[in-house]
Amino acid sequence: MMDIVKAIYDMMGKYTYPVLKEDAPRQHVEVFFQKMDKNKDGVVTLDEFIESCQEDDNIMRSLQLFENVM
């Protein structure tokens, strides 16, 4: 997850406004995991991941973009 988020931040570039702090990707991943770990056992299962994605309107809108690609 950290590699994916870091790659997204790298694609955004270093010229975003406001300027992103160096530890922003790590903080973002921590927030994701806290939100997705429904039973707070320190592990995000596939079921927890799917449920979290389905509950998040932003994620669902992003995934719907791929429906038009296929």
N, C-alpha and C. Protein backbone atom coordinates (compact mmCIF):
# COMPACT_ATOMS: atom_id res chain seq x y z
N MET A 1 0.83 -1.19 0.00
CA MET A 1 0.00 0.00 0.00
C MET A 1 0.87 1.25 0.00
N MET A 2 1.94 1.20 0.76
CA MET A 2 2.84 2.37 0.83
C MET A 2 3.44 2.66 -0.53
N ASP A 3 3.84 1.61 -1.26
CA ASP A 3 4.43 1.81 -2.59
C ASP A 3 3.43 2.46 -3.54
N ILE A 4 2.17 2.04 -3.47
CA ILE A 4 1.14 2.59 -4.36
C ILE A 4 0.89 4.06 -4.03
N VAL A 5 0.71 4.37 -2.76
CA VAL A 5 0.44 5.76 -2.37
C VAL A 5 1.64 6.64 -2.70
N LYS A 6 2.84 6.15 -2.46
CA LYS A 6 4.04 6.93 -2.78
C LYS A 6 4.11 7.19 -4.28
N ALA A 7 3.77 6.20 -5.10
CA ALA A 7 3.78 6.38 -6.56
C ALA A 7 2.76 7.44 -6.98
N ILE A 8 1.60 7.45 -6.34
CA ILE A 8 0.58 8.46 -6.65
C ILE A 8 1.11 9.85 -6.30
N TYR A 9 1.71 9.97 -5.14
CA TYR A 9 2.27 11.26 -4.73
C TYR A 9 3.39 11.68 -5.69
N ASP A 10 4.20 10.73 -6.14
CA ASP A 10 5.27 11.05 -7.08
C ASP A 10 4.69 11.55 -8.41
N MET A 11 3.59 10.95 -8.86
CA MET A 11 2.95 11.39 -10.10
C MET A 11 2.38 12.80 -9.97
N MET A 12 1.93 13.14 -8.76
CA MET A 12 1.37 14.48 -8.53
C MET A 12 2.46 15.53 -8.64
N GLY A 13 3.67 15.12 -8.42
CA GLY A 13 4.79 16.05 -8.55
C GLY A 13 5.07 16.81 -7.27
N LYS A 14 6.18 17.48 -7.28
CA LYS A 14 6.61 18.24 -6.11
C LYS A 14 6.11 19.67 -6.15
N TYR A 15 5.30 19.99 -7.14
CA TYR A 15 4.85 21.36 -7.32
C TYR A 15 3.37 21.53 -6.98
N THR A 16 2.87 20.68 -6.10
CA THR A 16 1.48 20.81 -5.67
C THR A 16 1.36 21.97 -4.70
N TYR A 17 0.14 22.48 -4.58
CA TYR A 17 -0.10 23.55 -3.61
C TYR A 17 -1.26 23.15 -2.74
N PRO A 18 -1.12 23.15 -1.45
CA PRO A 18 0.12 23.46 -0.74
C PRO A 18 1.15 22.34 -0.93
N VAL A 19 2.40 22.66 -0.71
CA VAL A 19 3.47 21.69 -0.87
C VAL A 19 3.26 20.56 0.13
N LEU A 20 3.38 19.33 -0.36
CA LEU A 20 3.17 18.17 0.50
C LEU A 20 4.41 17.88 1.33
N LYS A 21 4.19 17.50 2.57
CA LYS A 21 5.30 17.14 3.43
C LYS A 21 5.84 15.77 3.02
N GLU A 22 7.10 15.51 3.32
CA GLU A 22 7.74 14.27 2.91
C GLU A 22 7.07 13.03 3.50
N ASP A 23 6.51 13.14 4.70
CA ASP A 23 5.88 11.98 5.33
C ASP A 23 4.38 11.86 5.01
N ALA A 24 3.89 12.68 4.06
CA ALA A 24 2.46 12.64 3.70
C ALA A 24 2.00 11.28 3.22
N PRO A 25 2.77 10.57 2.35
CA PRO A 25 2.31 9.24 1.93
C PRO A 25 2.13 8.27 3.10
N ARG A 26 3.07 8.28 4.03
CA ARG A 26 2.98 7.38 5.19
C ARG A 26 1.75 7.71 6.02
N GLN A 27 1.50 9.00 6.24
CA GLN A 27 0.33 9.41 7.02
C GLN A 27 -0.96 9.01 6.31
N HIS A 28 -0.99 9.14 5.01
CA HIS A 28 -2.16 8.78 4.22
C HIS A 28 -2.44 7.28 4.34
N VAL A 29 -1.39 6.46 4.25
CA VAL A 29 -1.54 5.01 4.38
C VAL A 29 -2.06 4.65 5.77
N GLU A 30 -1.54 5.30 6.80
CA GLU A 30 -1.99 5.02 8.17
C GLU A 30 -3.49 5.31 8.31
N VAL A 31 -3.95 6.42 7.74
CA VAL A 31 -5.37 6.77 7.81
C VAL A 31 -6.20 5.73 7.07
N PHE A 32 -5.74 5.31 5.88
CA PHE A 32 -6.44 4.26 5.12
C PHE A 32 -6.60 3.00 5.95
N PHE A 33 -5.50 2.54 6.54
CA PHE A 33 -5.55 1.29 7.29
C PHE A 33 -6.45 1.41 8.52
N GLN A 34 -6.39 2.54 9.21
CA GLN A 34 -7.26 2.72 10.38
C GLN A 34 -8.72 2.67 9.96
N LYS A 35 -9.02 3.28 8.82
CA LYS A 35 -10.40 3.29 8.34
C LYS A 35 -10.86 1.91 7.88
N MET A 36 -9.97 1.16 7.25
CA MET A 36 -10.34 -0.13 6.68
C MET A 36 -10.33 -1.27 7.69
N ASP A 37 -9.53 -1.17 8.73
CA ASP A 37 -9.42 -2.24 9.72
C ASP A 37 -10.62 -2.20 10.65
N LYS A 38 -11.73 -2.74 10.17
CA LYS A 38 -13.02 -2.64 10.86
C LYS A 38 -12.99 -3.22 12.28
N ASN A 39 -12.33 -4.36 12.46
CA ASN A 39 -12.33 -5.00 13.78
C ASN A 39 -11.09 -4.65 14.61
N LYS A 40 -10.27 -3.74 14.09
CA LYS A 40 -9.11 -3.21 14.82
C LYS A 40 -8.14 -4.29 15.28
N ASP A 41 -7.90 -5.29 14.41
CA ASP A 41 -6.96 -6.35 14.77
C ASP A 41 -5.59 -6.15 14.13
N GLY A 42 -5.39 -5.02 13.44
CA GLY A 42 -4.10 -4.74 12.82
C GLY A 42 -3.92 -5.35 11.45
N VAL A 43 -4.97 -6.00 10.93
CA VAL A 43 -4.93 -6.65 9.63
C VAL A 43 -6.15 -6.21 8.83
N VAL A 44 -5.94 -5.84 7.57
CA VAL A 44 -7.05 -5.50 6.69
C VAL A 44 -7.31 -6.72 5.80
N THR A 45 -8.42 -7.39 6.06
CA THR A 45 -8.77 -8.56 5.25
C THR A 45 -9.36 -8.10 3.92
N LEU A 46 -9.49 -9.03 2.99
CA LEU A 46 -10.10 -8.70 1.71
C LEU A 46 -11.53 -8.22 1.91
N ASP A 47 -12.26 -8.88 2.80
CA ASP A 47 -13.64 -8.46 3.09
C ASP A 47 -13.70 -7.04 3.64
N GLU A 48 -12.79 -6.72 4.57
CA GLU A 48 -12.75 -5.37 5.13
C GLU A 48 -12.40 -4.35 4.04
N PHE A 49 -11.46 -4.70 3.17
CA PHE A 49 -11.07 -3.81 2.09
C PHE A 49 -12.24 -3.54 1.15
N ILE A 50 -12.94 -4.60 0.74
CA ILE A 50 -14.08 -4.45 -0.17
C ILE A 50 -15.18 -3.63 0.48
N GLU A 51 -15.49 -3.94 1.74
CA GLU A 51 -16.54 -3.20 2.46
C GLU A 51 -16.18 -1.71 2.56
N SER A 52 -14.94 -1.41 2.88
CA SER A 52 -14.50 -0.02 3.00
C SER A 52 -14.61 0.70 1.67
N CYS A 53 -14.22 0.03 0.59
CA CYS A 53 -14.31 0.65 -0.73
C CYS A 53 -15.77 0.91 -1.11
N GLN A 54 -16.64 -0.04 -0.81
CA GLN A 54 -18.05 0.12 -1.15
C GLN A 54 -18.71 1.23 -0.35
N GLU A 55 -18.23 1.49 0.85
CA GLU A 55 -18.80 2.53 1.71
C GLU A 55 -18.27 3.93 1.37
N ASP A 56 -17.18 4.01 0.64
CA ASP A 56 -16.54 5.28 0.36
C ASP A 56 -16.97 5.79 -1.02
N ASP A 57 -17.72 6.88 -1.05
CA ASP A 57 -18.24 7.43 -2.30
C ASP A 57 -17.12 7.84 -3.26
N ASN A 58 -16.04 8.38 -2.74
CA ASN A 58 -14.93 8.80 -3.60
C ASN A 58 -14.28 7.60 -4.29
N ILE A 59 -14.08 6.52 -3.55
CA ILE A 59 -13.49 5.32 -4.14
C ILE A 59 -14.43 4.73 -5.18
N MET A 60 -15.72 4.68 -4.88
CA MET A 60 -16.68 4.11 -5.83
C MET A 60 -16.73 4.93 -7.11
N ARG A 61 -16.69 6.26 -7.01
CA ARG A 61 -16.68 7.10 -8.21
C ARG A 61 -15.42 6.85 -9.03
N SER A 62 -14.30 6.70 -8.36
CA SER A 62 -13.04 6.44 -9.06
C SER A 62 -13.09 5.10 -9.79
N LEU A 63 -13.64 4.09 -9.14
CA LEU A 63 -13.72 2.77 -9.76
C LEU A 63 -14.70 2.77 -10.94
N GLN A 64 -15.74 3.57 -10.87
CA GLN A 64 -16.71 3.62 -11.96
C GLN A 64 -16.08 4.17 -13.24
N LEU A 65 -15.03 4.96 -13.12
CA LEU A 65 -14.34 5.45 -14.31
C LEU A 65 -13.82 4.30 -15.16
N PHE A 66 -13.41 3.19 -14.50
CA PHE A 66 -12.88 2.05 -15.23
C PHE A 66 -13.94 1.28 -16.00
N GLU A 67 -15.21 1.42 -15.63
CA GLU A 67 -16.28 0.73 -16.34
C GLU A 67 -16.34 1.21 -17.79
N ASN A 68 -16.03 2.46 -18.03
CA ASN A 68 -16.08 3.01 -19.38
C ASN A 68 -14.88 2.61 -20.22
N VAL A 69 -13.81 2.14 -19.57
CA VAL A 69 -12.60 1.77 -20.28
C VAL A 69 -12.74 0.40 -20.94
N MET A 70 -13.42 -0.48 -20.28
CA MET A 70 -13.53 -1.86 -20.77
C MET A 70 -14.44 -1.98 -21.94
